[in-house]
Amino acid sequence: MAYPEGHRSQVKAKIVNSARRLFNRHGFDNVSVDQIMAGAGLTRGGFYSYFGSKSELYTEVLGCFFTDPEWKNCWEGVRVDLAAKDAGPQVVRAYLSEQHFEDVENSCPMVALPGDVTRGSERAKKAFETVFLAMVSVLEKSVKGGRGRKSKAEAIAAMCVGGMVVARALARREVADQLRKGCMAVALELGGWGRTRSG
């Protein structure tokens, strides 16, 4: 019996979404193919008709809303319009938001997986770099001022990613919240977007 059109891409998306949630929560090494497939509501047998290995799947998981228009992750109550003229400050506020901080399973992979990427393959590093540079590109379009826009965008992106990584590693919530808000204020100021609406 033939599957309906689009079936294969839908199944692949289920596997990627399951892996993203599990990798974000537990790390690459602590998640099995069986767990990924169970999380997608599928059996292990079908995995290898979509991916050659767990590592190959990993590079797909490193996609993000900066590079994948089909990626449905918008944290509860947070929306980003990447086509808007003010996309830069929207990205900063979303990235350092309380919602992103709390929603570990739906994190941007640059926050949840940098340790895995550092120890991973060249292919994983290239996938990570692609997402980071896509974020920089979005930010750069909105940065105010003529000179040094790309450098500022790179610094803002690094502050967003690094700020969230460190905030999640802190024991006390009030310290984590203070760090997120501080990073947000500095990033908004660096981009020329002011300091309003931190959260």
C-alpha atoms as a PDB file:
ATOM      1  CA  MET A   1       0.000   0.000   0.000  1.00  0.00           C
ATOM      2  CA  ALA A   2       1.406   3.379  -1.004  1.00  0.00           C
ATOM      3  CA  TYR A   3       1.788   6.069   1.632  1.00  0.00           C
ATOM      4  CA  PRO A   4       0.151   9.457   1.025  1.00  0.00           C
ATOM      5  CA  GLU A   5       2.232  12.249  -0.452  1.00  0.00           C
ATOM      6  CA  GLY A   6       4.393  13.934   2.175  1.00  0.00           C
ATOM      7  CA  HIS A   7       4.361  10.901   4.495  1.00  0.00           C
ATOM      8  CA  ARG A   8       8.139  10.446   4.414  1.00  0.00           C
ATOM      9  CA  SER A   9       8.894  14.083   5.246  1.00  0.00           C
ATOM     10  CA  GLN A  10       6.325  14.023   8.072  1.00  0.00           C
ATOM     11  CA  VAL A  11       7.883  10.915   9.614  1.00  0.00           C
ATOM     12  CA  LYS A  12      11.369  12.388   9.299  1.00  0.00           C
ATOM     13  CA  ALA A  13      10.189  15.589  11.010  1.00  0.00           C
ATOM     14  CA  LYS A  14       8.743  13.510  13.882  1.00  0.00           C
ATOM     15  CA  ILE A  15      12.093  11.773  14.368  1.00  0.00           C
ATOM     16  CA  VAL A  16      14.026  15.067  14.289  1.00  0.00           C
ATOM     17  CA  ASN A  17      11.625  16.727  16.755  1.00  0.00           C
ATOM     18  CA  SER A  18      11.808  13.771  19.133  1.00  0.00           C
ATOM     19  CA  ALA A  19      15.615  13.773  18.954  1.00  0.00           C
ATOM     20  CA  ARG A  20      15.769  17.536  19.519  1.00  0.00           C
ATOM     21  CA  ARG A  21      13.693  17.308  22.693  1.00  0.00           C
ATOM     22  CA  LEU A  22      15.650  14.325  24.032  1.00  0.00           C
ATOM     23  CA  PHE A  23      19.116  15.663  23.124  1.00  0.00           C
ATOM     24  CA  ASN A  24      18.248  19.022  24.680  1.00  0.00           C
ATOM     25  CA  ARG A  25      17.074  17.351  27.874  1.00  0.00           C
ATOM     26  CA  HIS A  26      19.668  14.561  28.251  1.00  0.00           C
ATOM     27  CA  GLY A  27      22.578  15.206  25.845  1.00  0.00           C
ATOM     28  CA  PHE A  28      23.614  13.255  22.772  1.00  0.00           C
ATOM     29  CA  ASP A  29      25.422  10.400  24.527  1.00  0.00           C
ATOM     30  CA  ASN A  30      22.595   9.679  26.965  1.00  0.00           C
ATOM     31  CA  VAL A  31      19.881   9.158  24.342  1.00  0.00           C
ATOM     32  CA  SER A  32      19.412   5.944  22.363  1.00  0.00           C
ATOM     33  CA  VAL A  33      17.879   5.402  18.935  1.00  0.00           C
ATOM     34  CA  ASP A  34      15.133   3.375  20.675  1.00  0.00           C
ATOM     35  CA  GLN A  35      14.260   6.373  22.880  1.00  0.00           C
ATOM     36  CA  ILE A  36      14.213   8.733  19.895  1.00  0.00           C
ATOM     37  CA  MET A  37      11.906   6.477  17.905  1.00  0.00           C
ATOM     38  CA  ALA A  38       9.630   5.845  20.898  1.00  0.00           C
ATOM     39  CA  GLY A  39       9.394   9.619  21.413  1.00  0.00           C
ATOM     40  CA  ALA A  40       8.304   9.929  17.783  1.00  0.00           C
ATOM     41  CA  GLY A  41       5.705   7.160  18.224  1.00  0.00           C
ATOM     42  CA  LEU A  42       7.652   4.869  15.871  1.00  0.00           C
ATOM     43  CA  THR A  43       9.590   1.614  16.084  1.00  0.00           C
ATOM     44  CA  ARG A  44      13.372   1.345  15.863  1.00  0.00           C
ATOM     45  CA  GLY A  45      13.223  -0.589  12.604  1.00  0.00           C
ATOM     46  CA  GLY A  46      12.360   2.462  10.528  1.00  0.00           C
ATOM     47  CA  PHE A  47      15.182   4.670  11.788  1.00  0.00           C
ATOM     48  CA  TYR A  48      17.816   3.595   9.266  1.00  0.00           C
ATOM     49  CA  SER A  49      15.608   4.259   6.276  1.00  0.00           C
ATOM     50  CA  TYR A  50      15.810   7.950   7.260  1.00  0.00           C
ATOM     51  CA  PHE A  51      19.258   8.322   8.842  1.00  0.00           C
ATOM     52  CA  GLY A  52      22.527   6.425   8.493  1.00  0.00           C
ATOM     53  CA  SER A  53      23.394   6.905  12.161  1.00  0.00           C
ATOM     54  CA  LYS A  54      22.509   8.813  15.297  1.00  0.00           C
ATOM     55  CA  SER A  55      25.345  11.235  14.445  1.00  0.00           C
ATOM     56  CA  GLU A  56      23.775  11.973  11.061  1.00  0.00           C
ATOM     57  CA  LEU A  57      20.469  12.723  12.794  1.00  0.00           C
ATOM     58  CA  TYR A  58      22.344  14.999  15.187  1.00  0.00           C
ATOM     59  CA  THR A  59      23.355  17.387  12.410  1.00  0.00           C
ATOM     60  CA  GLU A  60      19.668  17.707  11.425  1.00  0.00           C
ATOM     61  CA  VAL A  61      18.754  18.492  15.025  1.00  0.00           C
ATOM     62  CA  LEU A  62      21.177  21.412  14.958  1.00  0.00           C
ATOM     63  CA  GLY A  63      18.770  23.303  12.718  1.00  0.00           C
ATOM     64  CA  CYS A  64      16.939  26.206  14.313  1.00  0.00           C
ATOM     65  CA  PHE A  65      14.388  28.850  13.455  1.00  0.00           C
ATOM     66  CA  PHE A  66      17.220  30.874  11.898  1.00  0.00           C
ATOM     67  CA  THR A  67      17.808  28.225   9.242  1.00  0.00           C
ATOM     68  CA  ASP A  68      14.656  26.103   9.094  1.00  0.00           C
ATOM     69  CA  PRO A  69      11.389  27.843   8.142  1.00  0.00           C
ATOM     70  CA  GLU A  70       9.464  24.681   9.097  1.00  0.00           C
ATOM     71  CA  TRP A  71      10.820  24.697  12.653  1.00  0.00           C
ATOM     72  CA  LYS A  72       7.759  25.248  14.800  1.00  0.00           C
ATOM     73  CA  ASN A  73       9.544  26.339  17.949  1.00  0.00           C
ATOM     74  CA  CYS A  74       8.157  29.526  19.334  1.00  0.00           C
ATOM     75  CA  TRP A  75       8.353  29.583  23.084  1.00  0.00           C
ATOM     76  CA  GLU A  76       5.034  30.101  24.834  1.00  0.00           C
ATOM     77  CA  GLY A  77       3.976  33.710  24.322  1.00  0.00           C
ATOM     78  CA  VAL A  78       7.125  34.567  22.315  1.00  0.00           C
ATOM     79  CA  ARG A  79       7.032  35.316  18.608  1.00  0.00           C
ATOM     80  CA  VAL A  80       9.815  36.424  16.285  1.00  0.00           C
ATOM     81  CA  ASP A  81       9.235  37.796  12.793  1.00  0.00           C
ATOM     82  CA  LEU A  82      12.589  37.291  11.067  1.00  0.00           C
ATOM     83  CA  ALA A  83      11.399  39.378   8.094  1.00  0.00           C
ATOM     84  CA  ALA A  84      10.583  42.432  10.243  1.00  0.00           C
ATOM     85  CA  LYS A  85      12.779  45.535  10.219  1.00  0.00           C
ATOM     86  CA  ASP A  86      13.189  45.150  13.992  1.00  0.00           C
ATOM     87  CA  ALA A  87      13.974  41.422  13.927  1.00  0.00           C
ATOM     88  CA  GLY A  88      17.233  41.971  15.837  1.00  0.00           C
ATOM     89  CA  PRO A  89      15.739  43.172  19.110  1.00  0.00           C
ATOM     90  CA  GLN A  90      12.940  40.595  18.756  1.00  0.00           C
ATOM     91  CA  VAL A  91      15.573  37.846  18.562  1.00  0.00           C
ATOM     92  CA  VAL A  92      17.452  39.169  21.607  1.00  0.00           C
ATOM     93  CA  ARG A  93      14.294  39.402  23.714  1.00  0.00           C
ATOM     94  CA  ALA A  94      13.095  35.956  22.616  1.00  0.00           C
ATOM     95  CA  TYR A  95      16.452  34.274  23.051  1.00  0.00           C
ATOM     96  CA  LEU A  96      17.028  35.594  26.563  1.00  0.00           C
ATOM     97  CA  SER A  97      13.377  35.293  27.582  1.00  0.00           C
ATOM     98  CA  GLU A  98      12.124  33.488  30.642  1.00  0.00           C
ATOM     99  CA  GLN A  99      10.150  31.202  28.307  1.00  0.00           C
ATOM    100  CA  HIS A 100      13.301  30.047  26.465  1.00  0.00           C
ATOM    101  CA  PHE A 101      15.112  29.638  29.794  1.00  0.00           C
ATOM    102  CA  GLU A 102      12.391  27.325  31.120  1.00  0.00           C
ATOM    103  CA  ASP A 103      11.601  25.356  27.948  1.00  0.00           C
ATOM    104  CA  VAL A 104      14.700  23.159  27.899  1.00  0.00           C
ATOM    105  CA  GLU A 105      13.269  20.538  25.534  1.00  0.00           C
ATOM    106  CA  ASN A 106      12.529  23.168  22.874  1.00  0.00           C
ATOM    107  CA  SER A 107      15.751  25.102  23.265  1.00  0.00           C
ATOM    108  CA  CYS A 108      17.696  26.450  20.385  1.00  0.00           C
ATOM    109  CA  PRO A 109      20.374  23.775  19.939  1.00  0.00           C
ATOM    110  CA  MET A 110      23.122  26.383  20.262  1.00  0.00           C
ATOM    111  CA  VAL A 111      22.150  26.702  23.936  1.00  0.00           C
ATOM    112  CA  ALA A 112      21.482  23.070  24.782  1.00  0.00           C
ATOM    113  CA  LEU A 113      24.152  21.274  22.753  1.00  0.00           C
ATOM    114  CA  PRO A 114      27.430  23.263  22.554  1.00  0.00           C
ATOM    115  CA  GLY A 115      29.340  20.780  24.715  1.00  0.00           C
ATOM    116  CA  ASP A 116      28.240  17.910  22.500  1.00  0.00           C
ATOM    117  CA  VAL A 117      29.206  19.878  19.388  1.00  0.00           C
ATOM    118  CA  THR A 118      32.654  20.705  20.785  1.00  0.00           C
ATOM    119  CA  ARG A 119      33.315  16.985  21.255  1.00  0.00           C
ATOM    120  CA  GLY A 120      31.506  16.063  18.032  1.00  0.00           C
ATOM    121  CA  SER A 121      32.327  15.665  14.397  1.00  0.00           C
ATOM    122  CA  GLU A 122      33.391  18.313  11.906  1.00  0.00           C
ATOM    123  CA  ARG A 123      29.948  17.935  10.327  1.00  0.00           C
ATOM    124  CA  ALA A 124      28.244  18.817  13.629  1.00  0.00           C
ATOM    125  CA  LYS A 125      30.516  21.847  14.041  1.00  0.00           C
ATOM    126  CA  LYS A 126      29.652  23.032  10.538  1.00  0.00           C
ATOM    127  CA  ALA A 127      25.928  22.646  11.287  1.00  0.00           C
ATOM    128  CA  PHE A 128      26.354  24.640  14.510  1.00  0.00           C
ATOM    129  CA  GLU A 129      28.335  27.314  12.652  1.00  0.00           C
ATOM    130  CA  THR A 130      25.611  27.575  10.000  1.00  0.00           C
ATOM    131  CA  VAL A 131      22.974  28.296  12.659  1.00  0.00           C
ATOM    132  CA  PHE A 132      25.215  30.786  14.474  1.00  0.00           C
ATOM    133  CA  LEU A 133      26.037  32.683  11.264  1.00  0.00           C
ATOM    134  CA  ALA A 134      22.354  32.731  10.307  1.00  0.00           C
ATOM    135  CA  MET A 135      21.603  34.322  13.687  1.00  0.00           C
ATOM    136  CA  VAL A 136      24.387  36.868  13.121  1.00  0.00           C
ATOM    137  CA  SER A 137      22.958  37.696   9.698  1.00  0.00           C
ATOM    138  CA  VAL A 138      19.485  38.363  11.135  1.00  0.00           C
ATOM    139  CA  LEU A 139      20.925  40.564  13.873  1.00  0.00           C
ATOM    140  CA  GLU A 140      23.266  42.461  11.543  1.00  0.00           C
ATOM    141  CA  LYS A 141      20.370  43.684   9.382  1.00  0.00           C
ATOM    142  CA  SER A 142      18.871  45.466  12.403  1.00  0.00           C
ATOM    143  CA  VAL A 143      22.031  46.773  14.113  1.00  0.00           C
ATOM    144  CA  LYS A 144      22.029  50.585  14.155  1.00  0.00           C
ATOM    145  CA  GLY A 145      25.028  52.555  12.923  1.00  0.00           C
ATOM    146  CA  GLY A 146      27.201  52.094   9.871  1.00  0.00           C
ATOM    147  CA  ARG A 147      30.539  50.774  11.072  1.00  0.00           C
ATOM    148  CA  GLY A 148      31.216  47.519  12.842  1.00  0.00           C
ATOM    149  CA  ARG A 149      27.706  46.155  12.372  1.00  0.00           C
ATOM    150  CA  LYS A 150      28.858  42.598  11.749  1.00  0.00           C
ATOM    151  CA  SER A 151      31.190  42.600  14.767  1.00  0.00           C
ATOM    152  CA  LYS A 152      28.381  43.933  16.938  1.00  0.00           C
ATOM    153  CA  ALA A 153      25.988  41.293  15.597  1.00  0.00           C
ATOM    154  CA  GLU A 154      28.537  38.541  16.339  1.00  0.00           C
ATOM    155  CA  ALA A 155      29.006  39.850  19.881  1.00  0.00           C
ATOM    156  CA  ILE A 156      25.235  40.099  20.440  1.00  0.00           C
ATOM    157  CA  ALA A 157      24.713  36.538  19.168  1.00  0.00           C
ATOM    158  CA  ALA A 158      27.502  35.227  21.410  1.00  0.00           C
ATOM    159  CA  MET A 159      26.047  37.131  24.378  1.00  0.00           C
ATOM    160  CA  CYS A 160      22.597  35.644  23.767  1.00  0.00           C
ATOM    161  CA  VAL A 161      23.835  32.069  23.401  1.00  0.00           C
ATOM    162  CA  GLY A 162      26.492  32.275  26.121  1.00  0.00           C
ATOM    163  CA  GLY A 163      24.228  34.176  28.483  1.00  0.00           C
ATOM    164  CA  MET A 164      21.570  31.492  28.279  1.00  0.00           C
ATOM    165  CA  VAL A 165      24.110  28.662  28.644  1.00  0.00           C
ATOM    166  CA  VAL A 166      25.558  30.243  31.812  1.00  0.00           C
ATOM    167  CA  ALA A 167      22.124  31.172  33.207  1.00  0.00           C
ATOM    168  CA  ARG A 168      20.983  27.570  32.935  1.00  0.00           C
ATOM    169  CA  ALA A 169      24.134  26.375  34.690  1.00  0.00           C
ATOM    170  CA  LEU A 170      23.560  28.539  37.780  1.00  0.00           C
ATOM    171  CA  ALA A 171      22.066  27.063  40.949  1.00  0.00           C
ATOM    172  CA  ARG A 172      19.992  30.034  42.075  1.00  0.00           C
ATOM    173  CA  ARG A 173      17.134  31.230  39.884  1.00  0.00           C
ATOM    174  CA  GLU A 174      17.457  34.857  40.976  1.00  0.00           C
ATOM    175  CA  VAL A 175      21.098  34.921  39.864  1.00  0.00           C
ATOM    176  CA  ALA A 176      20.168  33.309  36.540  1.00  0.00           C
ATOM    177  CA  ASP A 177      17.373  35.824  35.969  1.00  0.00           C
ATOM    178  CA  GLN A 178      19.654  38.736  36.809  1.00  0.00           C
ATOM    179  CA  LEU A 179      22.254  37.449  34.328  1.00  0.00           C
ATOM    180  CA  ARG A 180      19.675  37.001  31.541  1.00  0.00           C
ATOM    181  CA  LYS A 181      18.309  40.498  32.066  1.00  0.00           C
ATOM    182  CA  GLY A 182      21.802  41.986  32.179  1.00  0.00           C
ATOM    183  CA  CYS A 183      22.798  40.256  28.938  1.00  0.00           C
ATOM    184  CA  MET A 184      19.549  41.398  27.327  1.00  0.00           C
ATOM    185  CA  ALA A 185      20.081  45.030  28.336  1.00  0.00           C
ATOM    186  CA  VAL A 186      23.691  45.102  27.096  1.00  0.00           C
ATOM    187  CA  ALA A 187      22.823  43.285  23.851  1.00  0.00           C
ATOM    188  CA  LEU A 188      19.942  45.684  23.115  1.00  0.00           C
ATOM    189  CA  GLU A 189      22.157  48.666  23.831  1.00  0.00           C
ATOM    190  CA  LEU A 190      24.983  47.314  21.664  1.00  0.00           C
ATOM    191  CA  GLY A 191      22.548  46.894  18.775  1.00  0.00           C
ATOM    192  CA  GLY A 192      21.256  50.444  19.250  1.00  0.00           C
ATOM    193  CA  TRP A 193      17.824  49.160  20.240  1.00  0.00           C
ATOM    194  CA  GLY A 194      17.513  50.599  23.754  1.00  0.00           C
ATOM    195  CA  ARG A 195      16.875  48.721  26.992  1.00  0.00           C
ATOM    196  CA  THR A 196      13.103  48.462  27.187  1.00  0.00           C
ATOM    197  CA  ARG A 197      10.892  45.394  27.676  1.00  0.00           C
ATOM    198  CA  SER A 198      13.400  43.041  29.290  1.00  0.00           C
ATOM    199  CA  GLY A 199      11.785  39.911  30.748  1.00  0.00           C
END
